[in-house]
Amino acid sequence: MKFLKLALCAATASFAMAGAAAAQEVSFNVGVTSDYVFRGVSQADEKPALQGGVDVTGGIFYGGLWASNVDFYDSTDAEIDAYVGVTPSAGPVSFDFGAIYYGYVNQPSGADYDFWEFKAAASVPAGPATLGAAIYYSPEFFGGIGDATYYEVNAEFSPAEKWTLSAAVGEQTFDAGGDYSTWNAGVGYAFTDKLSADLRYHDNDIGCGTICDSRVTLSLTATLP
């Protein structure tokens, strides 16, 4: 765990140095969704969630915080994520390498909900579409269950001005067993350059009660400035 904290500190320091060489940009976002779904599973007991965050960018470096209410049928009230990363490119390929810390407010004693993930992603334009792939690795996943890796392929396409179609297929694997697949597809609409909506279908191939059932979510997000 000390190594992971040092890694995040080093990434934050690198981001700070980048800010000295390039103008920093700060943006805020706030949104509401009919259900907070993470990798095919409801995190809010199938109820609406209020979400928001702040992002800072400087050159190819970025960092930020994001929060949402959650409901795990216990005392846990909210999820707060912190992340840093870099977005280099090589020719037409854009990369995203980052570290994410997922923290949970008022979790029960000994629950071990907090965890780290390290991300490596790439995307490339393909005509009017963008194709991407990503991998997320956690050395100690949610609940302290050990190593976990999430693989995803995704695509995005804009058929008309203000409209976006997107979809993703992912595989969540655990060293302890219980692997599953998840997928989603949706349509986004930009009312303005600061306000957008997303209507999305989520599904998976696991049976863990109603929170794992297929569902359609509607989200509205505003950004500032």
C-alpha atoms as a PDB file:
ATOM      1  CA  MET A   1       0.000   0.000   0.000  1.00  0.00           C
ATOM      2  CA  LYS A   2       2.907   2.399   0.710  1.00  0.00           C
ATOM      3  CA  PHE A   3       4.168   1.825  -2.827  1.00  0.00           C
ATOM      4  CA  LEU A   4       0.754   2.689  -4.283  1.00  0.00           C
ATOM      5  CA  LYS A   5       0.544   5.902  -2.277  1.00  0.00           C
ATOM      6  CA  LEU A   6       4.042   6.860  -3.387  1.00  0.00           C
ATOM      7  CA  ALA A   7       3.068   6.162  -6.999  1.00  0.00           C
ATOM      8  CA  LEU A   8       0.098   8.504  -6.767  1.00  0.00           C
ATOM      9  CA  CYS A   9       2.222  11.159  -5.038  1.00  0.00           C
ATOM     10  CA  ALA A  10       4.807  10.898  -7.812  1.00  0.00           C
ATOM     11  CA  ALA A  11       2.114  11.252 -10.470  1.00  0.00           C
ATOM     12  CA  THR A  12       0.675  14.274  -8.664  1.00  0.00           C
ATOM     13  CA  ALA A  13       4.106  15.866  -8.449  1.00  0.00           C
ATOM     14  CA  SER A  14       4.626  15.287 -12.176  1.00  0.00           C
ATOM     15  CA  PHE A  15       1.273  16.916 -12.873  1.00  0.00           C
ATOM     16  CA  ALA A  16       2.220  19.916 -10.750  1.00  0.00           C
ATOM     17  CA  MET A  17       5.498  20.339 -12.660  1.00  0.00           C
ATOM     18  CA  ALA A  18       3.620  20.112 -15.945  1.00  0.00           C
ATOM     19  CA  GLY A  19       1.348  22.908 -14.763  1.00  0.00           C
ATOM     20  CA  ALA A  20       4.377  25.136 -14.363  1.00  0.00           C
ATOM     21  CA  ALA A  21       5.222  24.635 -18.028  1.00  0.00           C
ATOM     22  CA  ALA A  22       1.693  24.762 -19.437  1.00  0.00           C
ATOM     23  CA  ALA A  23      -1.431  26.738 -18.605  1.00  0.00           C
ATOM     24  CA  GLN A  24      -3.729  24.845 -16.303  1.00  0.00           C
ATOM     25  CA  GLU A  25      -7.424  24.560 -17.038  1.00  0.00           C
ATOM     26  CA  VAL A  26     -10.003  23.845 -14.351  1.00  0.00           C
ATOM     27  CA  SER A  27     -13.514  22.572 -15.079  1.00  0.00           C
ATOM     28  CA  PHE A  28     -16.403  21.493 -12.862  1.00  0.00           C
ATOM     29  CA  ASN A  29     -19.212  19.063 -13.556  1.00  0.00           C
ATOM     30  CA  VAL A  30     -22.465  18.235 -11.823  1.00  0.00           C
ATOM     31  CA  GLY A  31     -25.064  15.696 -12.853  1.00  0.00           C
ATOM     32  CA  VAL A  32     -27.999  13.565 -11.882  1.00  0.00           C
ATOM     33  CA  THR A  33     -28.719  10.027 -13.040  1.00  0.00           C
ATOM     34  CA  SER A  34     -31.651   7.681 -12.588  1.00  0.00           C
ATOM     35  CA  ASP A  35     -29.191   5.041 -11.307  1.00  0.00           C
ATOM     36  CA  TYR A  36     -25.422   4.961 -10.787  1.00  0.00           C
ATOM     37  CA  VAL A  37     -24.244   1.842 -12.656  1.00  0.00           C
ATOM     38  CA  PHE A  38     -20.602   0.703 -12.446  1.00  0.00           C
ATOM     39  CA  ARG A  39     -19.585  -2.138 -14.765  1.00  0.00           C
ATOM     40  CA  GLY A  40     -23.127  -3.405 -15.073  1.00  0.00           C
ATOM     41  CA  VAL A  41     -24.057  -3.271 -11.368  1.00  0.00           C
ATOM     42  CA  SER A  42     -26.181  -0.623  -9.613  1.00  0.00           C
ATOM     43  CA  GLN A  43     -24.235   1.256  -6.931  1.00  0.00           C
ATOM     44  CA  ALA A  44     -27.274   3.166  -5.657  1.00  0.00           C
ATOM     45  CA  ASP A  45     -29.788   0.346  -5.023  1.00  0.00           C
ATOM     46  CA  GLU A  46     -31.569   1.265  -8.265  1.00  0.00           C
ATOM     47  CA  LYS A  47     -32.285   4.802  -7.038  1.00  0.00           C
ATOM     48  CA  PRO A  48     -31.240   8.209  -8.461  1.00  0.00           C
ATOM     49  CA  ALA A  49     -27.775   9.572  -7.740  1.00  0.00           C
ATOM     50  CA  LEU A  50     -26.382  13.086  -7.550  1.00  0.00           C
ATOM     51  CA  GLN A  51     -22.837  13.330  -8.869  1.00  0.00           C
ATOM     52  CA  GLY A  52     -20.175  15.953  -9.433  1.00  0.00           C
ATOM     53  CA  GLY A  53     -16.486  16.626  -9.728  1.00  0.00           C
ATOM     54  CA  VAL A  54     -13.596  18.872 -10.671  1.00  0.00           C
ATOM     55  CA  ASP A  55     -10.886  18.312 -13.292  1.00  0.00           C
ATOM     56  CA  VAL A  56      -7.546  20.063 -13.749  1.00  0.00           C
ATOM     57  CA  THR A  57      -5.496  19.709 -16.935  1.00  0.00           C
ATOM     58  CA  GLY A  58      -2.048  20.987 -17.836  1.00  0.00           C
ATOM     59  CA  GLY A  59      -0.581  19.875 -21.159  1.00  0.00           C
ATOM     60  CA  ILE A  60      -0.866  16.082 -21.330  1.00  0.00           C
ATOM     61  CA  PHE A  61      -1.327  15.795 -17.550  1.00  0.00           C
ATOM     62  CA  TYR A  62      -4.634  15.686 -15.702  1.00  0.00           C
ATOM     63  CA  GLY A  63      -6.051  15.135 -12.245  1.00  0.00           C
ATOM     64  CA  GLY A  64      -9.371  15.390 -10.508  1.00  0.00           C
ATOM     65  CA  LEU A  65     -11.947  14.425  -7.923  1.00  0.00           C
ATOM     66  CA  TRP A  66     -15.417  12.942  -8.467  1.00  0.00           C
ATOM     67  CA  ALA A  67     -18.179  11.970  -6.033  1.00  0.00           C
ATOM     68  CA  SER A  68     -21.571  10.233  -6.020  1.00  0.00           C
ATOM     69  CA  ASN A  69     -24.024   8.988  -3.424  1.00  0.00           C
ATOM     70  CA  VAL A  70     -24.157   5.170  -3.149  1.00  0.00           C
ATOM     71  CA  ASP A  71     -26.282   2.594  -1.346  1.00  0.00           C
ATOM     72  CA  PHE A  72     -24.744  -0.759  -0.397  1.00  0.00           C
ATOM     73  CA  TYR A  73     -27.459  -1.703   2.131  1.00  0.00           C
ATOM     74  CA  ASP A  74     -25.195  -0.528   4.972  1.00  0.00           C
ATOM     75  CA  SER A  75     -23.879   2.719   6.466  1.00  0.00           C
ATOM     76  CA  THR A  76     -21.879   3.731   3.373  1.00  0.00           C
ATOM     77  CA  ASP A  77     -23.088   7.120   2.106  1.00  0.00           C
ATOM     78  CA  ALA A  78     -20.886   8.167  -0.797  1.00  0.00           C
ATOM     79  CA  GLU A  79     -18.070   7.303  -3.154  1.00  0.00           C
ATOM     80  CA  ILE A  80     -15.245   9.815  -3.649  1.00  0.00           C
ATOM     81  CA  ASP A  81     -12.685   9.119  -6.384  1.00  0.00           C
ATOM     82  CA  ALA A  82      -9.307  10.792  -6.884  1.00  0.00           C
ATOM     83  CA  TYR A  83      -7.302  10.322 -10.069  1.00  0.00           C
ATOM     84  CA  VAL A  84      -4.235  11.503 -11.963  1.00  0.00           C
ATOM     85  CA  GLY A  85      -2.893  10.604 -15.382  1.00  0.00           C
ATOM     86  CA  VAL A  86      -1.236  11.489 -18.658  1.00  0.00           C
ATOM     87  CA  THR A  87      -2.652  11.513 -22.203  1.00  0.00           C
ATOM     88  CA  PRO A  88       0.204  11.217 -24.721  1.00  0.00           C
ATOM     89  CA  SER A  89      -0.324  10.411 -28.384  1.00  0.00           C
ATOM     90  CA  ALA A  90       1.554   8.646 -31.160  1.00  0.00           C
ATOM     91  CA  GLY A  91       0.355   9.433 -34.655  1.00  0.00           C
ATOM     92  CA  PRO A  92      -3.428   8.937 -34.734  1.00  0.00           C
ATOM     93  CA  VAL A  93      -3.462   6.936 -31.481  1.00  0.00           C
ATOM     94  CA  SER A  94      -4.360   8.696 -28.234  1.00  0.00           C
ATOM     95  CA  PHE A  95      -3.315   7.087 -24.938  1.00  0.00           C
ATOM     96  CA  ASP A  96      -4.477   7.500 -21.345  1.00  0.00           C
ATOM     97  CA  PHE A  97      -2.377   6.176 -18.461  1.00  0.00           C
ATOM     98  CA  GLY A  98      -3.652   6.875 -14.963  1.00  0.00           C
ATOM     99  CA  ALA A  99      -4.164   5.895 -11.327  1.00  0.00           C
ATOM    100  CA  ILE A 100      -7.565   5.995  -9.603  1.00  0.00           C
ATOM    101  CA  TYR A 101      -8.345   5.764  -5.895  1.00  0.00           C
ATOM    102  CA  TYR A 102     -11.923   4.825  -4.983  1.00  0.00           C
ATOM    103  CA  GLY A 103     -12.857   5.918  -1.452  1.00  0.00           C
ATOM    104  CA  TYR A 104     -16.129   5.250   0.413  1.00  0.00           C
ATOM    105  CA  VAL A 105     -17.576   7.479   3.124  1.00  0.00           C
ATOM    106  CA  ASN A 106     -18.896   5.910   6.346  1.00  0.00           C
ATOM    107  CA  GLN A 107     -18.221   2.344   5.237  1.00  0.00           C
ATOM    108  CA  PRO A 108     -18.618  -0.296   7.969  1.00  0.00           C
ATOM    109  CA  SER A 109     -15.545  -1.068  10.052  1.00  0.00           C
ATOM    110  CA  GLY A 110     -13.413  -3.721   8.362  1.00  0.00           C
ATOM    111  CA  ALA A 111     -15.327  -3.572   5.073  1.00  0.00           C
ATOM    112  CA  ASP A 112     -12.184  -2.724   3.038  1.00  0.00           C
ATOM    113  CA  TYR A 113     -14.236  -1.044   0.312  1.00  0.00           C
ATOM    114  CA  ASP A 114     -11.502   1.455  -0.660  1.00  0.00           C
ATOM    115  CA  PHE A 115      -9.279   0.341  -3.526  1.00  0.00           C
ATOM    116  CA  TRP A 116      -6.833   1.456  -6.226  1.00  0.00           C
ATOM    117  CA  GLU A 117      -6.877   0.849  -9.959  1.00  0.00           C
ATOM    118  CA  PHE A 118      -4.277   1.562 -12.610  1.00  0.00           C
ATOM    119  CA  LYS A 119      -5.519   2.335 -16.112  1.00  0.00           C
ATOM    120  CA  ALA A 120      -4.044   1.998 -19.596  1.00  0.00           C
ATOM    121  CA  ALA A 121      -6.269   2.980 -22.527  1.00  0.00           C
ATOM    122  CA  ALA A 122      -5.932   3.827 -26.200  1.00  0.00           C
ATOM    123  CA  SER A 123      -8.273   5.161 -28.873  1.00  0.00           C
ATOM    124  CA  VAL A 124      -7.995   5.761 -32.601  1.00  0.00           C
ATOM    125  CA  PRO A 125     -10.256   7.462 -35.169  1.00  0.00           C
ATOM    126  CA  ALA A 126     -11.855   5.161 -37.738  1.00  0.00           C
ATOM    127  CA  GLY A 127     -13.656   7.302 -40.280  1.00  0.00           C
ATOM    128  CA  PRO A 128     -16.539   9.044 -38.498  1.00  0.00           C
ATOM    129  CA  ALA A 129     -16.131   6.792 -35.444  1.00  0.00           C
ATOM    130  CA  THR A 130     -13.623   6.397 -32.613  1.00  0.00           C
ATOM    131  CA  LEU A 131     -12.548   2.938 -31.468  1.00  0.00           C
ATOM    132  CA  GLY A 132     -10.967   2.291 -28.088  1.00  0.00           C
ATOM    133  CA  ALA A 133      -9.706  -0.309 -25.645  1.00  0.00           C
ATOM    134  CA  ALA A 134      -8.751  -0.130 -21.972  1.00  0.00           C
ATOM    135  CA  ILE A 135      -7.456  -2.248 -19.122  1.00  0.00           C
ATOM    136  CA  TYR A 136      -7.825  -1.521 -15.394  1.00  0.00           C
ATOM    137  CA  TYR A 137      -5.808  -3.415 -12.788  1.00  0.00           C
ATOM    138  CA  SER A 138      -6.350  -3.432  -9.009  1.00  0.00           C
ATOM    139  CA  PRO A 139      -3.928  -5.206  -6.651  1.00  0.00           C
ATOM    140  CA  GLU A 140      -6.634  -5.313  -3.952  1.00  0.00           C
ATOM    141  CA  PHE A 141     -10.168  -4.820  -5.268  1.00  0.00           C
ATOM    142  CA  PHE A 142     -13.364  -3.652  -3.544  1.00  0.00           C
ATOM    143  CA  GLY A 143     -13.994  -5.574  -0.333  1.00  0.00           C
ATOM    144  CA  GLY A 144     -10.380  -6.743  -0.065  1.00  0.00           C
ATOM    145  CA  ILE A 145     -10.913  -9.707  -2.417  1.00  0.00           C
ATOM    146  CA  GLY A 146      -7.472  -9.559  -4.048  1.00  0.00           C
ATOM    147  CA  ASP A 147      -6.273  -8.903  -7.597  1.00  0.00           C
ATOM    148  CA  ALA A 148      -8.832  -7.867 -10.213  1.00  0.00           C
ATOM    149  CA  THR A 149      -8.556  -6.819 -13.856  1.00  0.00           C
ATOM    150  CA  TYR A 150     -11.164  -5.198 -16.092  1.00  0.00           C
ATOM    151  CA  TYR A 151     -10.832  -5.289 -19.902  1.00  0.00           C
ATOM    152  CA  GLU A 152     -12.980  -3.161 -22.212  1.00  0.00           C
ATOM    153  CA  VAL A 153     -13.442  -2.372 -25.892  1.00  0.00           C
ATOM    154  CA  ASN A 154     -15.601   0.575 -26.883  1.00  0.00           C
ATOM    155  CA  ALA A 155     -16.752   2.648 -29.814  1.00  0.00           C
ATOM    156  CA  GLU A 156     -18.298   6.079 -30.363  1.00  0.00           C
ATOM    157  CA  PHE A 157     -19.995   7.555 -33.418  1.00  0.00           C
ATOM    158  CA  SER A 158     -21.635  10.918 -34.120  1.00  0.00           C
ATOM    159  CA  PRO A 159     -24.340  10.444 -36.790  1.00  0.00           C
ATOM    160  CA  ALA A 160     -25.414  14.086 -36.657  1.00  0.00           C
ATOM    161  CA  GLU A 161     -24.556  17.343 -34.937  1.00  0.00           C
ATOM    162  CA  LYS A 162     -25.234  17.149 -31.161  1.00  0.00           C
ATOM    163  CA  TRP A 163     -25.916  13.380 -31.283  1.00  0.00           C
ATOM    164  CA  THR A 164     -23.532  10.620 -30.173  1.00  0.00           C
ATOM    165  CA  LEU A 165     -23.944   6.855 -30.243  1.00  0.00           C
ATOM    166  CA  SER A 166     -21.624   4.777 -28.054  1.00  0.00           C
ATOM    167  CA  ALA A 167     -21.218   1.243 -26.774  1.00  0.00           C
ATOM    168  CA  ALA A 168     -18.793  -0.837 -24.709  1.00  0.00           C
ATOM    169  CA  VAL A 169     -18.186  -4.484 -23.870  1.00  0.00           C
ATOM    170  CA  GLY A 170     -16.134  -5.420 -20.816  1.00  0.00           C
ATOM    171  CA  GLU A 171     -14.870  -8.421 -18.869  1.00  0.00           C
ATOM    172  CA  GLN A 172     -14.311  -8.161 -15.103  1.00  0.00           C
ATOM    173  CA  THR A 173     -11.955 -10.844 -13.798  1.00  0.00           C
ATOM    174  CA  PHE A 174     -10.950 -11.743 -10.234  1.00  0.00           C
ATOM    175  CA  ASP A 175      -8.143 -13.974  -8.992  1.00  0.00           C
ATOM    176  CA  ALA A 176     -10.622 -15.272  -6.421  1.00  0.00           C
ATOM    177  CA  GLY A 177     -13.134 -16.277  -9.141  1.00  0.00           C
ATOM    178  CA  GLY A 178     -16.554 -14.931 -10.113  1.00  0.00           C
ATOM    179  CA  ASP A 179     -15.586 -13.368 -13.470  1.00  0.00           C
ATOM    180  CA  TYR A 180     -18.371 -11.780 -15.499  1.00  0.00           C
ATOM    181  CA  SER A 181     -19.045  -9.883 -18.710  1.00  0.00           C
ATOM    182  CA  THR A 182     -20.872  -6.578 -19.000  1.00  0.00           C
ATOM    183  CA  TRP A 183     -22.001  -4.386 -21.871  1.00  0.00           C
ATOM    184  CA  ASN A 184     -23.795  -1.116 -22.487  1.00  0.00           C
ATOM    185  CA  ALA A 185     -25.039   0.985 -25.379  1.00  0.00           C
ATOM    186  CA  GLY A 186     -26.547   4.422 -25.448  1.00  0.00           C
ATOM    187  CA  VAL A 187     -27.275   7.700 -27.165  1.00  0.00           C
ATOM    188  CA  GLY A 188     -26.112  11.128 -26.037  1.00  0.00           C
ATOM    189  CA  TYR A 189     -27.467  14.551 -26.938  1.00  0.00           C
ATOM    190  CA  ALA A 190     -25.753  17.904 -26.349  1.00  0.00           C
ATOM    191  CA  PHE A 191     -28.310  20.615 -25.671  1.00  0.00           C
ATOM    192  CA  THR A 192     -25.423  23.097 -25.494  1.00  0.00           C
ATOM    193  CA  ASP A 193     -21.650  22.790 -25.149  1.00  0.00           C
ATOM    194  CA  LYS A 194     -22.234  22.818 -21.358  1.00  0.00           C
ATOM    195  CA  LEU A 195     -25.333  20.637 -20.941  1.00  0.00           C
ATOM    196  CA  SER A 196     -25.820  17.077 -22.210  1.00  0.00           C
ATOM    197  CA  ALA A 197     -28.016  14.021 -21.662  1.00  0.00           C
ATOM    198  CA  ASP A 198     -27.325  10.291 -21.982  1.00  0.00           C
ATOM    199  CA  LEU A 199     -29.836   7.446 -22.332  1.00  0.00           C
ATOM    200  CA  ARG A 200     -28.124   4.067 -21.817  1.00  0.00           C
ATOM    201  CA  TYR A 201     -28.890   0.360 -21.619  1.00  0.00           C
ATOM    202  CA  HIS A 202     -26.757  -1.751 -19.213  1.00  0.00           C
ATOM    203  CA  ASP A 203     -26.569  -5.534 -18.887  1.00  0.00           C
ATOM    204  CA  ASN A 204     -24.294  -8.354 -17.683  1.00  0.00           C
ATOM    205  CA  ASP A 205     -24.193 -12.136 -17.385  1.00  0.00           C
ATOM    206  CA  ILE A 206     -24.194 -12.461 -13.586  1.00  0.00           C
ATOM    207  CA  GLY A 207     -27.019 -13.042 -11.138  1.00  0.00           C
ATOM    208  CA  CYS A 208     -26.511 -11.073  -7.923  1.00  0.00           C
ATOM    209  CA  GLY A 209     -30.054  -9.882  -7.247  1.00  0.00           C
ATOM    210  CA  THR A 210     -31.928  -6.922  -8.643  1.00  0.00           C
ATOM    211  CA  ILE A 211     -28.877  -4.633  -8.613  1.00  0.00           C
ATOM    212  CA  CYS A 212     -27.427  -6.791 -11.414  1.00  0.00           C
ATOM    213  CA  ASP A 213     -30.566  -6.816 -13.556  1.00  0.00           C
ATOM    214  CA  SER A 214     -30.473  -5.190 -16.981  1.00  0.00           C
ATOM    215  CA  ARG A 215     -31.614  -1.571 -16.857  1.00  0.00           C
ATOM    216  CA  VAL A 216     -31.936   1.692 -18.756  1.00  0.00           C
ATOM    217  CA  THR A 217     -30.546   4.857 -17.197  1.00  0.00           C
ATOM    218  CA  LEU A 218     -31.067   8.523 -18.011  1.00  0.00           C
ATOM    219  CA  SER A 219     -28.385  11.035 -17.016  1.00  0.00           C
ATOM    220  CA  LEU A 220     -28.089  14.808 -17.275  1.00  0.00           C
ATOM    221  CA  THR A 221     -24.690  16.511 -16.896  1.00  0.00           C
ATOM    222  CA  ALA A 222     -23.652  20.166 -16.795  1.00  0.00           C
ATOM    223  CA  THR A 223     -20.075  21.474 -16.992  1.00  0.00           C
ATOM    224  CA  LEU A 224     -18.493  24.771 -15.972  1.00  0.00           C
ATOM    225  CA  PRO A 225     -16.983  26.959 -17.157  1.00  0.00           C
END
